[in-house]
Protein backbone atom coordinates (compact mmCIF):
# COMPACT_ATOMS: atom_id res chain seq x y z
CA MET A 1 187.73 135.82 40.22
CA GLU A 2 185.82 135.38 37.00
CA VAL A 3 187.11 137.20 33.40
CA ILE A 4 183.75 138.09 31.24
CA THR A 5 184.51 138.72 27.64
CA GLY A 6 183.08 137.68 24.24
CA SER A 7 183.01 138.34 20.31
CA HIS A 8 180.96 141.32 18.93
CA HIS A 9 176.97 140.67 18.23
CA VAL A 10 175.86 139.26 14.69
CA VAL A 11 172.62 141.41 14.03
CA PHE A 12 169.72 139.44 12.17
CA PRO A 13 167.05 142.11 10.76
CA MET A 14 164.01 140.28 11.30
CA ASP A 15 162.22 141.86 8.44
CA ASP A 16 161.24 138.30 6.50
CA ALA A 17 160.26 134.99 7.87
CA SER A 18 163.40 133.69 6.13
CA ARG A 19 165.81 135.38 8.64
CA VAL A 20 164.44 132.90 11.08
CA GLY A 21 166.40 130.15 9.52
CA GLU A 22 169.23 132.28 9.17
CA ALA A 23 169.53 133.34 12.99
CA ARG A 24 169.26 129.64 14.06
CA ARG A 25 171.99 128.27 11.85
CA HIS A 26 174.26 131.06 12.92
CA ALA A 27 172.89 129.79 16.96
CA ALA A 28 173.80 126.32 15.92
CA ARG A 29 177.01 126.97 14.78
CA LEU A 30 177.93 129.14 18.09
CA ALA A 31 176.61 126.34 19.88
CA HIS A 32 179.32 123.80 18.11
CA GLU A 33 182.02 125.86 18.68
CA ASN A 34 181.01 126.62 22.06
CA GLY A 35 181.16 122.43 22.91
CA PHE A 36 177.13 122.57 23.70
CA GLU A 37 175.81 119.00 24.14
CA GLU A 38 172.58 118.24 21.96
CA VAL A 39 170.21 119.13 24.76
CA GLU A 40 171.71 122.71 25.52
CA ALA A 41 171.95 123.32 21.80
CA GLY A 42 168.36 122.52 21.06
CA ARG A 43 167.38 124.58 23.50
CA LEU A 44 169.11 127.92 22.25
CA ALA A 45 167.29 126.68 19.01
CA LEU A 46 164.26 127.06 20.41
CA VAL A 47 164.99 130.07 22.14
CA VAL A 48 166.21 131.67 18.77
CA THR A 49 163.34 130.44 17.01
CA GLU A 50 160.93 131.87 19.57
CA LEU A 51 162.43 135.33 19.93
CA ALA A 52 163.09 135.58 16.31
CA THR A 53 159.33 134.55 15.07
CA ASN A 54 157.91 136.90 17.36
CA LEU A 55 160.01 139.99 15.90
CA VAL A 56 158.75 138.80 12.39
CA ARG A 57 155.18 138.95 13.12
CA HIS A 58 154.77 141.74 15.79
CA ALA A 59 157.26 144.29 15.99
CA HIS A 60 158.69 147.16 14.08
CA LYS A 61 162.06 146.99 13.05
CA GLY A 62 162.76 143.97 14.82
CA ARG A 63 166.63 142.79 15.39
CA LEU A 64 168.05 139.35 16.82
CA LEU A 65 171.42 139.84 18.21
CA LEU A 66 173.20 136.62 18.91
CA ALA A 67 177.06 136.50 20.34
CA ALA A 68 179.20 134.13 21.98
CA ARG A 69 180.76 134.18 25.40
CA PRO A 70 183.59 131.48 25.33
CA LEU A 71 184.88 131.96 28.80
CA ARG A 72 181.20 131.26 30.28
CA ALA A 73 180.49 128.58 27.90
CA GLU A 74 177.24 130.51 27.09
CA VAL A 75 175.74 132.24 23.96
CA GLU A 76 173.43 135.53 24.59
CA VAL A 77 170.60 135.85 22.70
CA VAL A 78 169.44 139.68 22.47
CA SER A 79 165.82 140.63 21.21
CA ILE A 80 165.19 144.44 20.29
CA ASP A 81 162.37 146.03 18.43
CA GLU A 82 160.57 149.54 18.04
CA GLY A 83 157.25 148.72 19.12
CA PRO A 84 154.64 148.54 19.77
CA GLY A 85 155.27 146.93 23.01
CA ILE A 86 153.71 144.66 25.21
CA ALA A 87 150.92 146.12 27.23
CA ASP A 88 150.90 143.05 29.46
CA VAL A 89 154.17 141.89 30.53
CA GLU A 90 152.98 139.32 33.09
CA ARG A 91 150.62 137.68 30.97
CA SER A 92 152.86 137.18 28.21
CA LEU A 93 155.29 135.67 30.60
CA GLY A 94 152.60 133.28 31.80
CA ASP A 95 152.13 129.50 30.79
CA GLY A 96 149.65 128.94 28.03
CA TYR A 97 150.34 132.25 26.41
CA SER A 98 151.65 131.78 22.76
CA THR A 99 152.11 133.92 19.64
CA GLY A 100 150.56 131.21 17.72
CA GLY A 101 152.11 128.48 15.57
CA THR A 102 155.62 128.23 17.40
CA PRO A 103 157.24 125.54 18.83
CA GLY A 104 157.13 126.77 22.31
CA THR A 105 154.61 128.55 24.24
CA GLY A 106 155.93 132.29 24.23
CA LEU A 107 158.23 134.35 26.00
CA GLY A 108 157.20 132.08 28.97
CA ALA A 109 158.93 129.17 27.32
CA VAL A 110 161.93 131.39 26.51
CA ARG A 111 162.27 132.14 30.18
CA ARG A 112 162.24 128.46 30.91
CA LEU A 113 164.43 127.32 28.22
CA ALA A 114 167.02 129.77 29.06
CA SER A 115 170.02 129.53 31.86
CA GLU A 116 169.44 133.64 32.35
CA PHE A 117 166.42 135.84 31.19
CA ASP A 118 165.20 139.26 31.24
CA LEU A 119 162.66 141.54 29.26
CA HIS A 120 161.75 145.31 29.44
CA SER A 121 158.90 146.69 27.37
CA SER A 122 157.11 149.77 26.83
CA VAL A 123 154.46 151.15 25.11
CA PRO A 124 154.56 152.30 22.06
CA GLY A 125 158.37 152.47 22.37
CA GLY A 126 159.07 148.61 22.07
CA THR A 127 160.32 145.61 23.74
CA LEU A 128 163.95 144.45 24.72
CA ALA A 129 164.83 141.10 25.61
CA VAL A 130 168.09 139.33 26.90
CA ALA A 131 168.44 135.25 26.93
CA ARG A 132 171.34 133.20 27.68
CA ILE A 133 171.99 129.66 27.47
CA ARG A 134 174.83 127.97 28.89
CA SER A 135 176.20 124.49 28.73
CA ARG A 136 177.71 124.63 31.81
CA MET A 137 178.57 127.00 35.08
CA PRO A 138 181.80 128.62 34.60
CA ALA A 139 184.50 127.26 36.96
CA GLN A 140 186.17 131.05 37.50
CA ALA A 141 182.14 131.73 38.52
CA GLY A 142 181.44 132.84 42.17
CA GLY A 143 177.75 132.77 44.04
CA ASP A 144 178.86 135.90 45.89
CA ASN A 145 179.65 138.28 43.42
CA ALA A 146 178.23 141.85 44.73
CA ILE A 147 178.39 143.51 40.93
CA CYS A 148 176.57 141.77 37.39
CA VAL A 149 177.44 143.44 34.32
CA GLY A 150 177.08 143.02 30.08
CA ALA A 151 177.65 144.58 26.94
CA ILE A 152 176.64 144.55 23.34
CA SER A 153 179.13 145.43 20.64
CA LEU A 154 178.44 145.60 16.89
CA ALA A 155 180.77 145.91 13.78
CA ALA A 156 180.30 148.89 11.71
CA PRO A 157 178.01 148.65 8.59
CA GLY A 158 179.56 146.07 6.31
CA GLU A 159 182.23 144.69 8.22
CA HIS A 160 182.61 141.26 9.63
CA VAL A 161 184.89 141.98 12.26
CA CYS A 162 184.54 144.45 15.28
CA GLY A 163 187.31 147.29 15.92
CA ASP A 164 185.88 148.03 19.31
CA ALA A 165 186.35 145.12 22.29
CA TRP A 166 185.49 144.92 26.07
CA ALA A 167 186.01 142.88 29.02
CA PHE A 168 185.16 142.55 32.58
CA ALA A 169 186.76 141.15 35.43
CA VAL A 170 184.59 140.89 38.58
CA HIS A 171 185.72 139.41 42.38
CA GLY A 172 183.25 139.87 45.14
CA ASN A 173 182.64 143.27 45.84
CA LYS A 174 185.04 144.50 43.11
CA SER A 175 185.31 145.06 39.56
CA ALA A 176 187.14 146.10 36.72
CA MET A 177 186.23 147.22 33.08
CA ALA A 178 188.08 147.60 30.00
CA VAL A 179 186.40 149.04 26.65
CA VAL A 180 188.65 149.37 23.46
CA ASP A 181 187.76 151.40 20.49
CA GLY A 182 190.67 150.80 17.37
CA LEU A 183 191.31 153.30 15.23
CA GLY A 184 188.99 153.02 12.08
CA HIS A 185 187.22 149.81 11.67
CA GLY A 186 187.74 146.36 10.07
CA PRO A 187 190.24 144.18 10.69
CA ASP A 188 193.10 146.36 11.78
CA ALA A 189 191.30 148.36 14.22
CA ALA A 190 190.04 144.68 15.69
CA GLU A 191 193.76 143.88 16.07
CA ALA A 192 194.69 146.88 18.19
CA ALA A 193 191.40 146.07 20.12
CA ASP A 194 192.30 142.52 20.65
CA ALA A 195 195.55 143.30 21.61
CA ALA A 196 194.68 145.81 24.28
CA ILE A 197 191.97 142.95 25.83
CA ALA A 198 194.97 140.61 26.24
CA VAL A 199 196.94 143.30 28.52
CA PHE A 200 193.85 143.66 30.69
CA GLN A 201 193.11 139.68 30.36
CA ALA A 202 196.52 139.06 31.70
CA GLU A 203 196.26 141.24 34.85
CA PRO A 204 192.86 143.20 35.03
CA MET A 205 193.16 144.10 38.71
CA VAL A 206 196.06 146.22 38.37
CA ALA A 207 195.67 150.06 38.63
CA PRO A 208 193.95 151.26 35.78
CA ARG A 209 196.90 153.84 35.37
CA GLN A 210 199.39 150.93 35.13
CA LEU A 211 196.91 149.17 32.55
CA LEU A 212 196.87 152.05 30.09
CA GLU A 213 200.86 152.49 30.40
CA ARG A 214 201.01 148.51 29.67
CA MET A 215 198.42 148.69 26.56
CA HIS A 216 200.13 151.90 25.31
CA ALA A 217 203.35 150.05 25.22
CA ARG A 218 201.56 146.99 23.84
CA LEU A 219 199.61 148.76 20.86
CA ARG A 220 202.66 150.21 19.54
CA SER A 221 202.61 147.68 16.78
CA THR A 222 199.33 148.67 15.86
CA ARG A 223 197.24 151.49 14.71
CA GLY A 224 196.33 152.40 18.29
CA ALA A 225 193.20 152.73 20.06
CA ALA A 226 191.08 154.97 22.43
CA VAL A 227 190.63 152.86 26.00
CA ALA A 228 188.82 153.47 29.04
CA LEU A 229 189.73 151.35 31.83
CA LEU A 230 187.63 151.41 35.34
CA GLN A 231 187.82 149.94 38.69
CA ALA A 232 184.50 149.96 40.93
CA ASP A 233 184.48 148.86 44.43
CA ALA A 234 180.97 148.22 45.73
CA THR A 235 182.27 148.43 49.25
CA ALA A 236 184.28 151.52 49.13
CA ASP A 237 181.70 153.19 46.78
CA VAL A 238 184.28 154.48 44.72
CA VAL A 239 185.45 154.13 41.11
CA ARG A 240 189.07 154.80 39.53
CA LEU A 241 189.14 155.39 35.78
CA ALA A 242 191.94 155.97 33.51
CA GLY A 243 192.02 156.04 29.77
CA ALA A 244 192.72 157.68 26.30
CA GLY A 245 190.38 159.22 23.66
CA ASN A 246 186.77 159.71 22.88
CA VAL A 247 185.67 156.55 25.26
CA VAL A 248 182.85 157.77 27.52
CA GLY A 249 181.74 156.63 30.91
CA ARG A 250 178.82 157.88 32.43
CA LEU A 251 177.46 156.94 36.05
CA VAL A 252 173.65 157.08 35.96
CA SER A 253 171.17 156.79 38.91
CA GLY A 254 167.26 157.93 39.37
CA THR A 255 168.64 160.97 41.15
CA SER A 256 172.53 162.09 39.46
CA ASP A 257 174.32 161.59 36.14
CA ARG A 258 178.00 162.26 35.91
CA THR A 259 180.02 162.34 33.06
CA LEU A 260 183.16 160.17 33.04
CA LEU A 261 186.22 161.66 30.49
CA THR A 262 189.26 160.14 29.59
CA GLN A 263 192.48 162.23 28.88
CA HIS A 264 193.12 163.12 25.10
CA GLY A 265 195.63 160.60 23.12
CA THR A 266 195.68 157.42 21.62
CA ALA A 267 197.28 154.36 23.30
CA GLY A 268 199.82 153.32 21.05
CA VAL A 269 200.30 156.24 19.02
CA THR A 270 200.67 159.33 21.52
CA ILE A 271 199.31 160.21 25.23
CA ARG A 272 200.30 161.90 28.21
CA THR A 273 201.73 160.47 31.12
CA PRO A 274 198.39 158.82 32.51
CA ASP A 275 196.49 160.23 35.33
CA GLU A 276 193.71 157.99 37.31
CA THR A 277 190.38 160.02 38.66
CA LEU A 278 188.66 158.91 41.66
CA LEU A 279 185.10 158.97 41.78
CA PRO A 280 182.11 158.30 44.24
CA TRP A 281 179.93 155.43 42.87
CA PRO A 282 176.42 156.77 44.16
CA ALA A 283 173.79 153.82 45.45
CA HIS A 284 172.28 151.98 42.54
CA ALA A 285 174.21 154.03 40.01
CA LEU A 286 174.77 152.41 36.65
CA LEU A 287 178.07 152.41 35.31
CA VAL A 288 177.81 152.97 31.47
CA VAL A 289 180.89 152.77 29.28
CA CYS A 290 180.22 153.70 24.93
CA SER A 291 182.66 153.70 22.24
CA ASP A 292 182.05 156.55 20.05
CA GLY A 293 179.52 154.65 17.96
CA ILE A 294 177.21 155.64 20.49
CA ASN A 295 175.95 159.04 20.35
CA THR A 296 176.63 160.30 24.24
CA ARG A 297 174.01 162.99 24.34
CA TRP A 298 171.02 160.57 25.94
CA GLN A 299 168.83 161.50 28.95
CA PRO A 300 169.49 159.68 32.02
CA ASP A 301 166.10 158.84 33.07
CA ILE A 302 165.64 156.55 29.65
CA LEU A 303 167.53 154.24 31.66
CA VAL A 304 165.40 154.48 34.87
CA PRO A 305 162.80 151.95 34.00
CA VAL A 306 166.36 149.48 33.74
CA LEU A 307 168.27 150.15 36.99
CA GLY A 308 167.52 147.11 38.61
CA ARG A 309 167.82 144.89 35.74
CA ASP A 310 170.09 142.65 33.67
CA PRO A 311 172.84 145.18 32.52
CA THR A 312 172.43 144.13 28.96
CA LEU A 313 168.97 145.75 28.84
CA ALA A 314 170.43 149.03 29.40
CA ALA A 315 172.96 148.60 26.79
CA ALA A 316 170.54 147.03 24.15
CA LEU A 317 168.20 150.09 25.06
CA LEU A 318 171.15 152.49 24.06
CA VAL A 319 171.83 150.66 21.16
CA ARG A 320 168.63 150.67 19.77
CA ASP A 321 168.18 154.59 20.29
CA HIS A 322 171.49 156.03 20.42
CA CYS A 323 173.59 154.09 17.80
CA ARG A 324 174.99 156.09 14.98
CA GLY A 325 175.04 153.37 12.64
CA ARG A 326 178.29 154.12 10.86
CA ASP A 327 180.80 152.86 12.97
CA ASP A 328 181.67 150.07 15.33
CA ALA A 329 179.63 150.47 18.37
CA THR A 330 179.68 149.33 22.20
CA VAL A 331 178.09 149.63 25.29
CA ALA A 332 179.32 148.17 28.39
CA VAL A 333 177.46 148.45 31.54
CA LEU A 334 178.20 147.42 35.32
CA ARG A 335 175.95 147.42 38.42
CA ARG A 336 175.64 146.41 41.85
CA LYS A 337 173.22 143.77 42.90
CA ASP A 338 171.90 145.23 45.87
């Protein structure tokens, strides 16, 4: 079983060329903290430089997001912009195509340097790209997992820590997910969220109802949190859900859309006896969970172009277009590989 969690993404608005060096220095710090060797650190620096420079030169409202995934020994780089989009994506990813003056050869170099890479673009909507540089294969990872996951978490404006937290556990055809929103924001909210995630990490495959009870007991010494706990089984085509508060889930496919609501209350403060909901998991449906920093009134068809792609692209799309911009914000996404 592989457990996946990580720090929140640090955002670098690419409104000036000086921000490229700022993002690169932060990436170097993450590489050092996560034990990258010189070669991997160099690859990360090139990926950050290329994506950041593209945003400065060509994009409208470009942002570069950086986060570490210590359990996977990787750093994730997410590029987000609001236009003009790439008219010929295949050409932009080909050899010899360059934005000019950059150390690589355009997005094709990013794809070659990254351990994992995916990109989605629409004209004039904009471009989303995710690149991960990994120093080694995680010891827990299994090549036969039928489920892949992704998440983006942003701290509230002006905060250096995020009061939201997320985690996944993946084992073959089964996966568990936790998304936690500590009350308020800042260090006290982060303390509550981290405490809840520690409970999840200890036994992630415990039934969601039982996990919620354990989190409620553990969070009594904190300010409390809204919590959504889900287990997804790709063989049985079902999702189990338990939670409290305003963390909202959606099951979205090209033909269906179902909202997943949790019961009222706050873990660590007051909740009813936890109940558990069993729901069908339609083929090809994304399981999307958002904290209340994301406006949940988005239309499901916006995710159709990224249904079969890296789940972080779906998270990035919702962050770009539906982040409220005044609170911590998290989007966690799970999909089957078939």
